[in-house]
Every structure is written in structure tokens, then in C-alpha cells.
Amino acid sequence: MATARAVANVAVQNLFAVPLHMKGKIDTVTVDNEGSSGAIKVQLEDDFTQDVSQGNNTPTARSAFPYQATVAQGLTDVSDVLSVEKIECLGNVGVICDKSDAGCAVIVEYHFE
């Protein structure tokens, strides 16, 4: 299991890239918001482009937001297994928040299949 970490930011913070023809599986998402200045909404973003397929020679890039949570100031939230076990990521995975705050960290544990 690998781990990626980013601080809360309104711009996408890259966490990991899924190798071609594999799936990225999220094991846990931890949002440590104990040192922040307020509640923060956190979203994981998966940016990917599908393979060329029959009838579609120029696939377009897509974004999906498979996970989101709002964590109150002073709290740490750890995802439960049921909320992340079915998340499959296909491209570049990042985290984006509704505000930037160096006092909030997002830690994602993941693996590839």
C-alpha cells in the first residue's frame, strides 16, 4: 500500500498517477483538519482519457470526483472502508479543496490492481 499526502488547496494537488491498463484503488482517506482555520470540503479528482475504441478515434479527457467529505475545524476524519472500497481511479488522481489552508492535510492510502 502506498501513501500520498497534500495540504488543502483550491488548486488540484496531484497525489498519484495510475499506470496504463491498471486501476487505482483507494484504501483510506484521512483529512487532518486539526490545525486549520475552519471547516474544509475535500474532493478527490480523477482525470483520465479513455483508450481509443471502435467508433471513437479521438476520446476526450474526463474528470470524476469519486470521494468528498467536509471536515469541521479541529477534527480528523478517517474514511470508513464502505465509503471507499468501490472507488476505482483510472488516471491522475489529485485532491482539491474549497479553500487553501496549510493547517489541513489530506492523506490517501492506495494500491494498484
Protein backbone atom coordinates (compact mmCIF):
# COMPACT_ATOMS: atom_id res chain seq x y z
CA MET A 1 0.00 0.00 0.00
CA ALA A 2 1.31 3.42 -0.97
CA THR A 3 0.61 6.76 0.70
CA ALA A 4 0.29 10.24 -0.80
CA ARG A 5 -0.10 13.50 1.14
CA ALA A 6 -1.12 17.05 0.23
CA VAL A 7 -2.18 20.20 2.06
CA ALA A 8 -5.58 21.79 1.42
CA ASN A 9 -5.53 23.97 -1.67
CA VAL A 10 -8.08 25.41 -4.11
CA ALA A 11 -5.86 24.20 -6.97
CA VAL A 12 -5.63 20.47 -7.63
CA GLN A 13 -2.75 18.88 -5.73
CA ASN A 14 -1.52 15.76 -7.54
CA LEU A 15 -1.38 12.62 -5.42
CA PHE A 16 -0.55 9.77 -7.82
CA ALA A 17 -0.87 8.57 -11.41
CA VAL A 18 -2.42 5.22 -12.26
CA PRO A 19 -0.30 3.13 -14.67
CA LEU A 20 -1.83 2.38 -18.07
CA HIS A 21 -4.30 -0.54 -18.10
CA MET A 22 -4.47 -0.68 -14.29
CA LYS A 23 -6.92 0.63 -11.69
CA GLY A 24 -6.05 2.71 -8.66
CA LYS A 25 -7.95 1.57 -5.58
CA ILE A 26 -8.38 3.88 -2.59
CA ASP A 27 -7.83 2.18 0.77
CA THR A 28 -8.35 5.13 3.13
CA VAL A 29 -8.69 8.90 3.04
CA THR A 30 -7.64 10.81 6.15
CA VAL A 31 -8.33 14.52 6.49
CA ASP A 32 -6.39 16.06 9.37
CA ASN A 33 -8.11 19.39 9.90
CA GLU A 34 -6.96 19.96 13.48
CA GLY A 35 -4.69 22.92 12.70
CA SER A 36 -6.89 24.75 10.20
CA SER A 37 -8.86 27.97 10.44
CA GLY A 38 -12.28 26.44 9.66
CA ALA A 39 -14.25 23.62 8.06
CA ILE A 40 -12.90 22.33 4.75
CA LYS A 41 -14.59 20.46 1.90
CA VAL A 42 -12.25 17.92 0.32
CA GLN A 43 -12.74 16.17 -3.04
CA LEU A 44 -10.63 13.55 -4.78
CA GLU A 45 -10.39 14.17 -8.52
CA ASP A 46 -9.61 11.50 -11.13
CA ASP A 47 -8.57 12.93 -14.53
CA PHE A 48 -8.34 10.35 -17.29
CA THR A 49 -8.67 9.84 -21.03
CA GLN A 50 -10.25 6.65 -22.29
CA ASP A 51 -8.44 4.45 -24.80
CA VAL A 52 -9.24 4.78 -28.49
CA SER A 53 -12.14 2.44 -29.14
CA GLN A 54 -14.27 1.30 -32.00
CA GLY A 55 -16.24 4.28 -33.21
CA ASN A 56 -14.29 6.77 -31.08
CA ASN A 57 -10.87 7.63 -32.52
CA THR A 58 -10.43 10.83 -30.51
CA PRO A 59 -11.52 10.27 -26.91
CA THR A 60 -11.69 13.35 -24.70
CA ALA A 61 -10.31 13.89 -21.23
CA ARG A 62 -12.75 13.35 -18.38
CA SER A 63 -12.84 14.22 -14.70
CA ALA A 64 -14.61 12.30 -11.97
CA PHE A 65 -14.96 13.17 -8.30
CA PRO A 66 -15.30 9.78 -6.59
CA TYR A 67 -14.98 10.98 -2.98
CA GLN A 68 -15.84 14.09 -1.00
CA ALA A 69 -16.06 15.00 2.66
CA THR A 70 -16.47 18.14 4.72
CA VAL A 71 -14.43 18.14 7.91
CA ALA A 72 -15.01 20.62 10.72
CA GLN A 73 -12.20 22.70 12.20
CA GLY A 74 -10.24 20.86 14.86
CA LEU A 75 -11.24 17.37 13.71
CA THR A 76 -9.62 14.48 11.89
CA ASP A 77 -11.81 12.37 9.62
CA VAL A 78 -10.80 8.88 8.51
CA SER A 79 -12.91 7.29 5.78
CA ASP A 80 -14.60 4.03 6.63
CA VAL A 81 -13.99 1.05 4.36
CA LEU A 82 -17.52 1.10 2.92
CA SER A 83 -17.17 4.67 1.68
CA VAL A 84 -14.01 3.99 -0.36
CA GLU A 85 -13.90 0.27 -1.18
CA LYS A 86 -15.60 0.66 -4.57
CA ILE A 87 -13.63 3.68 -5.74
CA GLU A 88 -11.60 2.91 -8.86
CA CYS A 89 -9.38 5.58 -10.37
CA LEU A 90 -8.04 5.43 -13.93
CA GLY A 91 -5.76 8.43 -14.44
CA ASN A 92 -4.11 11.23 -12.49
CA VAL A 93 -5.55 11.43 -9.01
CA GLY A 94 -5.47 14.65 -7.05
CA VAL A 95 -7.20 16.45 -4.22
CA ILE A 96 -8.97 19.80 -4.40
CA CYS A 97 -10.48 21.76 -1.51
CA ASP A 98 -12.89 24.66 -1.18
CA LYS A 99 -10.16 26.77 0.47
CA SER A 100 -6.40 26.76 0.89
CA ASP A 101 -5.12 26.11 4.39
CA ALA A 102 -1.67 24.79 5.33
CA GLY A 103 -3.16 23.56 8.62
CA CYS A 104 -5.19 20.87 6.84
CA ALA A 105 -3.55 17.73 5.45
CA VAL A 106 -5.12 15.08 3.22
CA ILE A 107 -3.54 11.63 3.32
CA VAL A 108 -4.59 8.95 0.83
CA GLU A 109 -3.57 5.31 1.03
CA TYR A 110 -3.96 3.40 -2.24
CA HIS A 111 -2.84 0.44 -4.33
CA PHE A 112 -2.98 -0.68 -7.97
CA GLU A 113 -4.74 -3.69 -9.43
